[in-house]
All heavy atoms as atom14 arrays in JSON, in Angstrom:
{
  "sequence": "PANRFVASFVGHPPMNLLHGQLVREGQNRLFRSDALVFQLGPGGAVE",
  "atom14_mask": [
    [1, 1, 1, 1, 1, 1, 1, 0, 0, 0, 0, 0, 0, 0],
    [1, 1, 1, 1, 1, 0, 0, 0, 0, 0, 0, 0, 0, 0],
    [1, 1, 1, 1, 1, 1, 1, 1, 0, 0, 0, 0, 0, 0],
    [1, 1, 1, 1, 1, 1, 1, 1, 1, 1, 1, 0, 0, 0],
    [1, 1, 1, 1, 1, 1, 1, 1, 1, 1, 1, 0, 0, 0],
    [1, 1, 1, 1, 1, 1, 1, 0, 0, 0, 0, 0, 0, 0],
    [1, 1, 1, 1, 1, 0, 0, 0, 0, 0, 0, 0, 0, 0],
    [1, 1, 1, 1, 1, 1, 0, 0, 0, 0, 0, 0, 0, 0],
    [1, 1, 1, 1, 1, 1, 1, 1, 1, 1, 1, 0, 0, 0],
    [1, 1, 1, 1, 1, 1, 1, 0, 0, 0, 0, 0, 0, 0],
    [1, 1, 1, 1, 0, 0, 0, 0, 0, 0, 0, 0, 0, 0],
    [1, 1, 1, 1, 1, 1, 1, 1, 1, 1, 0, 0, 0, 0],
    [1, 1, 1, 1, 1, 1, 1, 0, 0, 0, 0, 0, 0, 0],
    [1, 1, 1, 1, 1, 1, 1, 0, 0, 0, 0, 0, 0, 0],
    [1, 1, 1, 1, 1, 1, 1, 1, 0, 0, 0, 0, 0, 0],
    [1, 1, 1, 1, 1, 1, 1, 1, 0, 0, 0, 0, 0, 0],
    [1, 1, 1, 1, 1, 1, 1, 1, 0, 0, 0, 0, 0, 0],
    [1, 1, 1, 1, 1, 1, 1, 1, 0, 0, 0, 0, 0, 0],
    [1, 1, 1, 1, 1, 1, 1, 1, 1, 1, 0, 0, 0, 0],
    [1, 1, 1, 1, 0, 0, 0, 0, 0, 0, 0, 0, 0, 0],
    [1, 1, 1, 1, 1, 1, 1, 1, 1, 0, 0, 0, 0, 0],
    [1, 1, 1, 1, 1, 1, 1, 1, 0, 0, 0, 0, 0, 0],
    [1, 1, 1, 1, 1, 1, 1, 0, 0, 0, 0, 0, 0, 0],
    [1, 1, 1, 1, 1, 1, 1, 1, 1, 1, 1, 0, 0, 0],
    [1, 1, 1, 1, 1, 1, 1, 1, 1, 0, 0, 0, 0, 0],
    [1, 1, 1, 1, 0, 0, 0, 0, 0, 0, 0, 0, 0, 0],
    [1, 1, 1, 1, 1, 1, 1, 1, 1, 0, 0, 0, 0, 0],
    [1, 1, 1, 1, 1, 1, 1, 1, 0, 0, 0, 0, 0, 0],
    [1, 1, 1, 1, 1, 1, 1, 1, 1, 1, 1, 0, 0, 0],
    [1, 1, 1, 1, 1, 1, 1, 1, 0, 0, 0, 0, 0, 0],
    [1, 1, 1, 1, 1, 1, 1, 1, 1, 1, 1, 0, 0, 0],
    [1, 1, 1, 1, 1, 1, 1, 1, 1, 1, 1, 0, 0, 0],
    [1, 1, 1, 1, 1, 1, 0, 0, 0, 0, 0, 0, 0, 0],
    [1, 1, 1, 1, 1, 1, 1, 1, 0, 0, 0, 0, 0, 0],
    [1, 1, 1, 1, 1, 0, 0, 0, 0, 0, 0, 0, 0, 0],
    [1, 1, 1, 1, 1, 1, 1, 1, 0, 0, 0, 0, 0, 0],
    [1, 1, 1, 1, 1, 1, 1, 0, 0, 0, 0, 0, 0, 0],
    [1, 1, 1, 1, 1, 1, 1, 1, 1, 1, 1, 0, 0, 0],
    [1, 1, 1, 1, 1, 1, 1, 1, 1, 0, 0, 0, 0, 0],
    [1, 1, 1, 1, 1, 1, 1, 1, 0, 0, 0, 0, 0, 0],
    [1, 1, 1, 1, 0, 0, 0, 0, 0, 0, 0, 0, 0, 0],
    [1, 1, 1, 1, 1, 1, 1, 0, 0, 0, 0, 0, 0, 0],
    [1, 1, 1, 1, 0, 0, 0, 0, 0, 0, 0, 0, 0, 0],
    [1, 1, 1, 1, 0, 0, 0, 0, 0, 0, 0, 0, 0, 0],
    [1, 1, 1, 1, 1, 0, 0, 0, 0, 0, 0, 0, 0, 0],
    [1, 1, 1, 1, 1, 1, 1, 0, 0, 0, 0, 0, 0, 0],
    [1, 1, 1, 1, 1, 1, 1, 1, 1, 0, 0, 0, 0, 0]
  ],
  "atom14_positions": [
    [[0.83, -1.21, 0.0], [0.0, 0.0, 0.0], [0.86, 1.26, 0.0], [1.85, 1.35, 0.72], [-0.8, -0.14, 1.31], [0.01, -1.05, 2.17], [0.68, -2.01, 1.24], [0.0, 0.0, 0.0], [0.0, 0.0, 0.0], [0.0, 0.0, 0.0], [0.0, 0.0, 0.0], [0.0, 0.0, 0.0], [0.0, 0.0, 0.0], [0.0, 0.0, 0.0]],
    [[0.46, 2.22, -0.81], [1.25, 3.44, -0.95], [1.13, 4.36, 0.26], [2.01, 5.18, 0.5], [0.82, 4.2, -2.21], [0.0, 0.0, 0.0], [0.0, 0.0, 0.0], [0.0, 0.0, 0.0], [0.0, 0.0, 0.0], [0.0, 0.0, 0.0], [0.0, 0.0, 0.0], [0.0, 0.0, 0.0], [0.0, 0.0, 0.0], [0.0, 0.0, 0.0]],
    [[0.04, 4.21, 1.01], [-0.15, 5.07, 2.17], [-1.09, 4.4, 3.17], [-1.61, 3.31, 2.92], [-0.68, 6.45, 1.75], [-1.95, 6.37, 0.93], [-2.88, 5.64, 1.26], [-2.0, 7.12, -0.16], [0.0, 0.0, 0.0], [0.0, 0.0, 0.0], [0.0, 0.0, 0.0], [0.0, 0.0, 0.0], [0.0, 0.0, 0.0], [0.0, 0.0, 0.0]],
    [[-1.28, 5.08, 4.28], [-2.08, 4.52, 5.37], [-3.54, 4.35, 4.98], [-4.21, 3.42, 5.41], [-1.96, 5.42, 6.6], [-2.29, 4.73, 7.91], [-1.78, 5.51, 9.08], [-2.48, 6.77, 9.28], [-1.88, 7.93, 9.49], [-0.56, 8.0, 9.51], [-2.58, 9.03, 9.69], [0.0, 0.0, 0.0], [0.0, 0.0, 0.0], [0.0, 0.0, 0.0]],
    [[-4.07, 5.26, 4.13], [-5.46, 5.13, 3.71], [-5.67, 3.83, 2.94], [-6.6, 3.07, 3.22], [-5.9, 6.31, 2.85], [-7.29, 6.13, 2.29], [-8.4, 6.43, 3.05], [-7.48, 5.62, 1.01], [-9.69, 6.23, 2.57], [-8.75, 5.41, 0.51], [-9.86, 5.72, 1.29], [0.0, 0.0, 0.0], [0.0, 0.0, 0.0], [0.0, 0.0, 0.0]],
    [[-4.82, 3.56, 1.96], [-4.96, 2.34, 1.17], [-4.8, 1.12, 2.07], [-5.55, 0.14, 1.95], [-3.93, 2.31, 0.03], [-4.0, 0.98, -0.73], [-4.16, 3.48, -0.92], [0.0, 0.0, 0.0], [0.0, 0.0, 0.0], [0.0, 0.0, 0.0], [0.0, 0.0, 0.0], [0.0, 0.0, 0.0], [0.0, 0.0, 0.0], [0.0, 0.0, 0.0]],
    [[-3.85, 1.17, 3.0], [-3.61, 0.05, 3.9], [-4.84, -0.28, 4.73], [-5.16, -1.45, 4.96], [-2.43, 0.37, 4.82], [0.0, 0.0, 0.0], [0.0, 0.0, 0.0], [0.0, 0.0, 0.0], [0.0, 0.0, 0.0], [0.0, 0.0, 0.0], [0.0, 0.0, 0.0], [0.0, 0.0, 0.0], [0.0, 0.0, 0.0], [0.0, 0.0, 0.0]],
    [[-5.55, 0.76, 5.18], [-6.71, 0.54, 6.04], [-7.98, 0.27, 5.25], [-8.89, -0.41, 5.73], [-6.93, 1.74, 6.95], [-7.19, 2.92, 6.2], [0.0, 0.0, 0.0], [0.0, 0.0, 0.0], [0.0, 0.0, 0.0], [0.0, 0.0, 0.0], [0.0, 0.0, 0.0], [0.0, 0.0, 0.0], [0.0, 0.0, 0.0], [0.0, 0.0, 0.0]],
    [[-8.06, 0.78, 4.0], [-9.28, 0.66, 3.21], [-9.35, -0.68, 2.47], [-10.43, -1.21, 2.24], [-9.38, 1.81, 2.22], [-10.72, 1.92, 1.54], [-11.85, 2.31, 2.25], [-10.86, 1.63, 0.19], [-13.08, 2.41, 1.63], [-12.09, 1.74, -0.45], [-13.21, 2.12, 0.28], [0.0, 0.0, 0.0], [0.0, 0.0, 0.0], [0.0, 0.0, 0.0]],
    [[-8.2, -1.2, 2.09], [-8.16, -2.44, 1.31], [-7.79, -3.6, 2.23], [-6.76, -3.58, 2.89], [-7.14, -2.33, 0.16], [-7.01, -3.67, -0.56], [-7.56, -1.24, -0.81], [0.0, 0.0, 0.0], [0.0, 0.0, 0.0], [0.0, 0.0, 0.0], [0.0, 0.0, 0.0], [0.0, 0.0, 0.0], [0.0, 0.0, 0.0], [0.0, 0.0, 0.0]],
    [[-8.63, -4.61, 2.26], [-8.37, -5.8, 3.06], [-9.48, -6.08, 4.04], [-10.1, -5.17, 4.59], [0.0, 0.0, 0.0], [0.0, 0.0, 0.0], [0.0, 0.0, 0.0], [0.0, 0.0, 0.0], [0.0, 0.0, 0.0], [0.0, 0.0, 0.0], [0.0, 0.0, 0.0], [0.0, 0.0, 0.0], [0.0, 0.0, 0.0], [0.0, 0.0, 0.0]],
    [[-9.77, -7.37, 4.23], [-10.78, -7.84, 5.19], [-10.11, -8.78, 6.17], [-9.63, -9.84, 5.76], [-11.91, -8.6, 4.5], [-12.85, -7.79, 3.69], [-13.48, -6.67, 4.17], [-13.3, -7.96, 2.42], [-14.28, -6.2, 3.22], [-14.18, -6.95, 2.15], [0.0, 0.0, 0.0], [0.0, 0.0, 0.0], [0.0, 0.0, 0.0], [0.0, 0.0, 0.0]],
    [[-10.11, -8.48, 7.44], [-10.43, -7.21, 8.08], [-9.31, -6.19, 7.83], [-8.26, -6.56, 7.31], [-10.53, -7.58, 9.57], [-9.67, -8.79, 9.7], [-9.75, -9.54, 8.41], [0.0, 0.0, 0.0], [0.0, 0.0, 0.0], [0.0, 0.0, 0.0], [0.0, 0.0, 0.0], [0.0, 0.0, 0.0], [0.0, 0.0, 0.0], [0.0, 0.0, 0.0]],
    [[-9.51, -4.93, 8.2], [-8.51, -3.9, 7.89], [-7.21, -4.1, 8.65], [-7.16, -4.77, 9.69], [-9.2, -2.59, 8.29], [-10.25, -3.0, 9.27], [-10.7, -4.36, 8.85], [0.0, 0.0, 0.0], [0.0, 0.0, 0.0], [0.0, 0.0, 0.0], [0.0, 0.0, 0.0], [0.0, 0.0, 0.0], [0.0, 0.0, 0.0], [0.0, 0.0, 0.0]],
    [[-6.16, -3.5, 8.13], [-4.83, -3.61, 8.73], [-4.8, -3.02, 10.14], [-5.43, -2.01, 10.42], [-3.81, -2.87, 7.84], [-2.37, -2.93, 8.33], [-1.23, -2.02, 7.27], [-1.09, -3.13, 5.87], [0.0, 0.0, 0.0], [0.0, 0.0, 0.0], [0.0, 0.0, 0.0], [0.0, 0.0, 0.0], [0.0, 0.0, 0.0], [0.0, 0.0, 0.0]],
    [[-4.05, -3.68, 11.03], [-3.75, -3.11, 12.34], [-2.77, -1.96, 12.16], [-1.74, -2.11, 11.5], [-3.11, -4.16, 13.25], [-4.05, -5.29, 13.61], [-5.12, -5.06, 14.16], [-3.65, -6.52, 13.31], [0.0, 0.0, 0.0], [0.0, 0.0, 0.0], [0.0, 0.0, 0.0], [0.0, 0.0, 0.0], [0.0, 0.0, 0.0], [0.0, 0.0, 0.0]],
    [[-3.06, -0.81, 12.73], [-2.19, 0.37, 12.65], [-1.84, 0.82, 14.06], [-2.72, 1.15, 14.85], [-2.88, 1.49, 11.87], [-3.2, 1.18, 10.41], [-4.07, 2.28, 9.8], [-1.92, 1.01, 9.6], [0.0, 0.0, 0.0], [0.0, 0.0, 0.0], [0.0, 0.0, 0.0], [0.0, 0.0, 0.0], [0.0, 0.0, 0.0], [0.0, 0.0, 0.0]],
    [[-0.55, 0.81, 14.37], [-0.07, 1.1, 15.71], [0.78, 2.37, 15.69], [1.77, 2.45, 14.95], [0.77, -0.07, 16.25], [0.14, -1.46, 16.13], [1.12, -2.51, 16.62], [-1.17, -1.53, 16.9], [0.0, 0.0, 0.0], [0.0, 0.0, 0.0], [0.0, 0.0, 0.0], [0.0, 0.0, 0.0], [0.0, 0.0, 0.0], [0.0, 0.0, 0.0]],
    [[0.41, 3.34, 16.48], [1.15, 4.6, 16.54], [2.3, 4.48, 17.54], [2.14, 3.95, 18.64], [0.22, 5.74, 16.96], [-0.8, 6.08, 15.91], [-0.65, 7.14, 15.04], [-1.96, 5.47, 15.57], [-1.69, 7.19, 14.23], [-2.5, 6.19, 14.53], [0.0, 0.0, 0.0], [0.0, 0.0, 0.0], [0.0, 0.0, 0.0], [0.0, 0.0, 0.0]],
    [[3.47, 4.97, 17.14], [4.63, 4.93, 18.02], [5.77, 5.74, 17.46], [5.57, 6.65, 16.65], [0.0, 0.0, 0.0], [0.0, 0.0, 0.0], [0.0, 0.0, 0.0], [0.0, 0.0, 0.0], [0.0, 0.0, 0.0], [0.0, 0.0, 0.0], [0.0, 0.0, 0.0], [0.0, 0.0, 0.0], [0.0, 0.0, 0.0], [0.0, 0.0, 0.0]],
    [[6.99, 5.4, 17.87], [8.19, 6.1, 17.43], [9.23, 5.11, 16.96], [9.34, 4.0, 17.48], [8.78, 6.96, 18.55], [7.94, 8.16, 18.92], [8.64, 9.04, 19.94], [9.33, 8.54, 20.82], [8.49, 10.34, 19.8], [0.0, 0.0, 0.0], [0.0, 0.0, 0.0], [0.0, 0.0, 0.0], [0.0, 0.0, 0.0], [0.0, 0.0, 0.0]],
    [[10.03, 5.53, 15.96], [11.15, 4.74, 15.48], [12.42, 5.34, 16.07], [12.74, 6.51, 15.81], [11.2, 4.77, 13.94], [12.12, 3.75, 13.27], [11.65, 2.33, 13.56], [12.16, 3.99, 11.77], [0.0, 0.0, 0.0], [0.0, 0.0, 0.0], [0.0, 0.0, 0.0], [0.0, 0.0, 0.0], [0.0, 0.0, 0.0], [0.0, 0.0, 0.0]],
    [[13.1, 4.58, 16.88], [14.29, 5.08, 17.59], [15.43, 4.09, 17.42], [15.24, 2.95, 17.0], [14.0, 5.31, 19.09], [12.91, 6.35, 19.28], [13.61, 4.0, 19.77], [0.0, 0.0, 0.0], [0.0, 0.0, 0.0], [0.0, 0.0, 0.0], [0.0, 0.0, 0.0], [0.0, 0.0, 0.0], [0.0, 0.0, 0.0], [0.0, 0.0, 0.0]],
    [[16.65, 4.53, 17.78], [17.81, 3.65, 17.74], [18.39, 3.5, 19.13], [18.56, 4.47, 19.86], [18.87, 4.19, 16.77], [20.07, 3.25, 16.61], [21.05, 3.75, 15.57], [20.52, 3.67, 14.21], [20.46, 2.56, 13.49], [20.87, 1.41, 14.02], [19.98, 2.58, 12.27], [0.0, 0.0, 0.0], [0.0, 0.0, 0.0], [0.0, 0.0, 0.0]],
    [[18.68, 2.25, 19.46], [19.37, 1.94, 20.71], [20.57, 1.08, 20.36], [20.42, -0.09, 20.02], [18.45, 1.23, 21.7], [17.36, 2.12, 22.27], [16.56, 1.43, 23.35], [16.89, 0.26, 23.66], [15.6, 2.05, 23.86], [0.0, 0.0, 0.0], [0.0, 0.0, 0.0], [0.0, 0.0, 0.0], [0.0, 0.0, 0.0], [0.0, 0.0, 0.0]],
    [[21.77, 1.66, 20.42], [22.96, 0.95, 19.98], [22.88, 0.67, 18.5], [22.71, 1.59, 17.69], [0.0, 0.0, 0.0], [0.0, 0.0, 0.0], [0.0, 0.0, 0.0], [0.0, 0.0, 0.0], [0.0, 0.0, 0.0], [0.0, 0.0, 0.0], [0.0, 0.0, 0.0], [0.0, 0.0, 0.0], [0.0, 0.0, 0.0], [0.0, 0.0, 0.0]],
    [[23.01, -0.59, 18.11], [22.93, -0.98, 16.71], [21.5, -1.34, 16.27], [21.28, -1.64, 15.11], [23.85, -2.19, 16.46], [25.31, -1.89, 16.69], [25.81, -0.81, 15.75], [25.57, -0.85, 14.54], [26.51, 0.18, 16.3], [0.0, 0.0, 0.0], [0.0, 0.0, 0.0], [0.0, 0.0, 0.0], [0.0, 0.0, 0.0], [0.0, 0.0, 0.0]],
    [[20.58, -1.27, 17.21], [19.21, -1.72, 16.91], [18.28, -0.56, 16.6], [18.39, 0.53, 17.19], [18.64, -2.5, 18.11], [19.4, -3.77, 18.38], [19.79, -4.47, 17.45], [19.63, -4.07, 19.65], [0.0, 0.0, 0.0], [0.0, 0.0, 0.0], [0.0, 0.0, 0.0], [0.0, 0.0, 0.0], [0.0, 0.0, 0.0], [0.0, 0.0, 0.0]],
    [[17.4, -0.8, 15.66], [16.28, 0.12, 15.41], [15.06, -0.45, 16.11], [14.75, -1.63, 15.97], [15.99, 0.25, 13.91], [17.11, 0.89, 13.1], [16.68, 1.07, 11.65], [16.17, -0.17, 11.08], [15.23, -0.23, 10.14], [14.69, 0.88, 9.68], [14.83, -1.38, 9.65], [0.0, 0.0, 0.0], [0.0, 0.0, 0.0], [0.0, 0.0, 0.0]],
    [[14.36, 0.41, 16.84], [13.2, -0.03, 17.6], [11.97, 0.77, 17.23], [12.04, 1.99, 17.02], [13.44, 0.12, 19.1], [14.64, -0.6, 19.71], [14.71, -0.28, 21.2], [14.54, -2.1, 19.5], [0.0, 0.0, 0.0], [0.0, 0.0, 0.0], [0.0, 0.0, 0.0], [0.0, 0.0, 0.0], [0.0, 0.0, 0.0], [0.0, 0.0, 0.0]],
    [[10.83, 0.07, 17.13], [9.54, 0.75, 17.09], [8.97, 0.65, 18.5], [8.8, -0.45, 19.04], [8.59, 0.08, 16.09], [7.17, 0.59, 16.19], [6.8, 1.76, 15.55], [6.22, -0.08, 16.96], [5.5, 2.24, 15.64], [4.93, 0.39, 17.07], [4.57, 1.57, 16.41], [0.0, 0.0, 0.0], [0.0, 0.0, 0.0], [0.0, 0.0, 0.0]],
    [[8.67, 1.81, 19.09], [8.15, 1.84, 20.46], [6.76, 2.44, 20.48], [6.51, 3.48, 19.87], [9.05, 2.69, 21.36], [10.38, 2.06, 21.73], [11.07, 2.9, 22.82], [12.3, 2.27, 23.25], [12.35, 1.31, 24.18], [11.24, 0.88, 24.74], [13.52, 0.78, 24.53], [0.0, 0.0, 0.0], [0.0, 0.0, 0.0], [0.0, 0.0, 0.0]],
    [[5.87, 1.77, 21.19], [4.58, 2.34, 21.53], [4.41, 2.2, 23.03], [5.32, 1.74, 23.72], [3.45, 1.62, 20.79], [3.3, 0.3, 21.28], [0.0, 0.0, 0.0], [0.0, 0.0, 0.0], [0.0, 0.0, 0.0], [0.0, 0.0, 0.0], [0.0, 0.0, 0.0], [0.0, 0.0, 0.0], [0.0, 0.0, 0.0], [0.0, 0.0, 0.0]],
    [[3.24, 2.57, 23.53], [3.05, 2.52, 24.98], [3.2, 1.12, 25.54], [3.74, 0.93, 26.63], [1.66, 3.07, 25.35], [1.56, 4.56, 25.1], [2.62, 5.21, 25.06], [0.43, 5.05, 24.94], [0.0, 0.0, 0.0], [0.0, 0.0, 0.0], [0.0, 0.0, 0.0], [0.0, 0.0, 0.0], [0.0, 0.0, 0.0], [0.0, 0.0, 0.0]],
    [[2.73, 0.11, 24.81], [2.68, -1.23, 25.36], [3.56, -2.23, 24.63], [3.71, -3.36, 25.08], [1.24, -1.74, 25.36], [0.0, 0.0, 0.0], [0.0, 0.0, 0.0], [0.0, 0.0, 0.0], [0.0, 0.0, 0.0], [0.0, 0.0, 0.0], [0.0, 0.0, 0.0], [0.0, 0.0, 0.0], [0.0, 0.0, 0.0], [0.0, 0.0, 0.0]],
    [[4.14, -1.85, 23.5], [4.89, -2.79, 22.68], [6.24, -2.21, 22.28], [6.38, -1.0, 22.12], [4.12, -3.13, 21.41], [2.85, -3.98, 21.53], [2.17, -4.06, 20.18], [3.19, -5.36, 22.03], [0.0, 0.0, 0.0], [0.0, 0.0, 0.0], [0.0, 0.0, 0.0], [0.0, 0.0, 0.0], [0.0, 0.0, 0.0], [0.0, 0.0, 0.0]],
    [[7.2, -3.11, 22.08], [8.48, -2.77, 21.46], [8.72, -3.76, 20.33], [8.72, -4.97, 20.56], [9.64, -2.83, 22.47], [10.96, -2.59, 21.76], [9.44, -1.82, 23.58], [0.0, 0.0, 0.0], [0.0, 0.0, 0.0], [0.0, 0.0, 0.0], [0.0, 0.0, 0.0], [0.0, 0.0, 0.0], [0.0, 0.0, 0.0], [0.0, 0.0, 0.0]],
    [[8.89, -3.23, 19.11], [9.27, -4.07, 17.98], [10.72, -3.76, 17.67], [11.06, -2.61, 17.37], [8.42, -3.76, 16.74], [6.99, -4.21, 16.82], [6.48, -4.83, 17.94], [6.15, -4.01, 15.74], [5.17, -5.24, 18.01], [4.84, -4.42, 15.78], [4.34, -5.04, 16.92], [0.0, 0.0, 0.0], [0.0, 0.0, 0.0], [0.0, 0.0, 0.0]],
    [[11.58, -4.77, 17.71], [12.98, -4.57, 17.36], [13.18, -4.87, 15.89], [12.88, -5.97, 15.42], [13.89, -5.46, 18.21], [15.38, -5.25, 17.91], [16.25, -6.01, 18.89], [16.01, -5.97, 20.1], [17.25, -6.7, 18.38], [0.0, 0.0, 0.0], [0.0, 0.0, 0.0], [0.0, 0.0, 0.0], [0.0, 0.0, 0.0], [0.0, 0.0, 0.0]],
    [[13.72, -3.88, 15.16], [13.93, -4.01, 13.73], [15.39, -4.3, 13.45], [16.24, -4.14, 14.32], [13.49, -2.73, 13.01], [12.11, -2.2, 13.36], [11.84, -0.91, 12.61], [11.04, -3.22, 13.05], [0.0, 0.0, 0.0], [0.0, 0.0, 0.0], [0.0, 0.0, 0.0], [0.0, 0.0, 0.0], [0.0, 0.0, 0.0], [0.0, 0.0, 0.0]],
    [[15.68, -4.68, 12.22], [17.06, -4.94, 11.84], [17.89, -3.68, 11.88], [17.37, -2.55, 11.89], [0.0, 0.0, 0.0], [0.0, 0.0, 0.0], [0.0, 0.0, 0.0], [0.0, 0.0, 0.0], [0.0, 0.0, 0.0], [0.0, 0.0, 0.0], [0.0, 0.0, 0.0], [0.0, 0.0, 0.0], [0.0, 0.0, 0.0], [0.0, 0.0, 0.0]],
    [[19.22, -3.79, 11.87], [20.09, -2.63, 11.98], [20.03, -1.7, 10.78], [20.26, -0.5, 10.88], [21.49, -3.24, 12.12], [21.37, -4.61, 11.52], [19.97, -5.05, 11.82], [0.0, 0.0, 0.0], [0.0, 0.0, 0.0], [0.0, 0.0, 0.0], [0.0, 0.0, 0.0], [0.0, 0.0, 0.0], [0.0, 0.0, 0.0], [0.0, 0.0, 0.0]],
    [[19.73, -2.23, 9.58], [19.62, -1.4, 8.4], [18.19, -1.28, 7.95], [17.29, -1.83, 8.55], [0.0, 0.0, 0.0], [0.0, 0.0, 0.0], [0.0, 0.0, 0.0], [0.0, 0.0, 0.0], [0.0, 0.0, 0.0], [0.0, 0.0, 0.0], [0.0, 0.0, 0.0], [0.0, 0.0, 0.0], [0.0, 0.0, 0.0], [0.0, 0.0, 0.0]],
    [[17.95, -0.53, 6.88], [16.59, -0.4, 6.37], [16.4, 0.91, 5.64], [17.27, 1.79, 5.65], [0.0, 0.0, 0.0], [0.0, 0.0, 0.0], [0.0, 0.0, 0.0], [0.0, 0.0, 0.0], [0.0, 0.0, 0.0], [0.0, 0.0, 0.0], [0.0, 0.0, 0.0], [0.0, 0.0, 0.0], [0.0, 0.0, 0.0], [0.0, 0.0, 0.0]],
    [[15.24, 1.02, 4.99], [14.95, 2.22, 4.2], [14.73, 3.44, 5.07], [14.87, 4.57, 4.62], [13.73, 1.97, 3.32], [0.0, 0.0, 0.0], [0.0, 0.0, 0.0], [0.0, 0.0, 0.0], [0.0, 0.0, 0.0], [0.0, 0.0, 0.0], [0.0, 0.0, 0.0], [0.0, 0.0, 0.0], [0.0, 0.0, 0.0], [0.0, 0.0, 0.0]],
    [[14.35, 3.23, 6.32], [14.0, 4.35, 7.2], [14.96, 4.37, 8.37], [15.1, 3.39, 9.09], [12.55, 4.21, 7.72], [12.16, 5.46, 8.51], [11.59, 3.96, 6.59], [0.0, 0.0, 0.0], [0.0, 0.0, 0.0], [0.0, 0.0, 0.0], [0.0, 0.0, 0.0], [0.0, 0.0, 0.0], [0.0, 0.0, 0.0], [0.0, 0.0, 0.0]],
    [[15.61, 5.51, 8.55], [16.51, 5.67, 9.69], [15.75, 6.27, 10.86], [14.96, 7.2, 10.69], [17.69, 6.57, 9.33], [18.85, 5.82, 8.69], [19.4, 4.73, 9.6], [19.7, 5.03, 10.77], [19.52, 3.58, 9.13], [0.0, 0.0, 0.0], [0.0, 0.0, 0.0], [0.0, 0.0, 0.0], [0.0, 0.0, 0.0], [0.0, 0.0, 0.0]]
  ]
}
């Protein structure tokens, strides 16, 4: 999906969308929200 609208509008049921922050801790990229931490790989399209 090119954007959040398409992601949420296309698909049954709609995509889960979680608001948070993308941060770096050491060599790790992390997605942080209030209740979850997703650890991402060290590289990627988004810094």
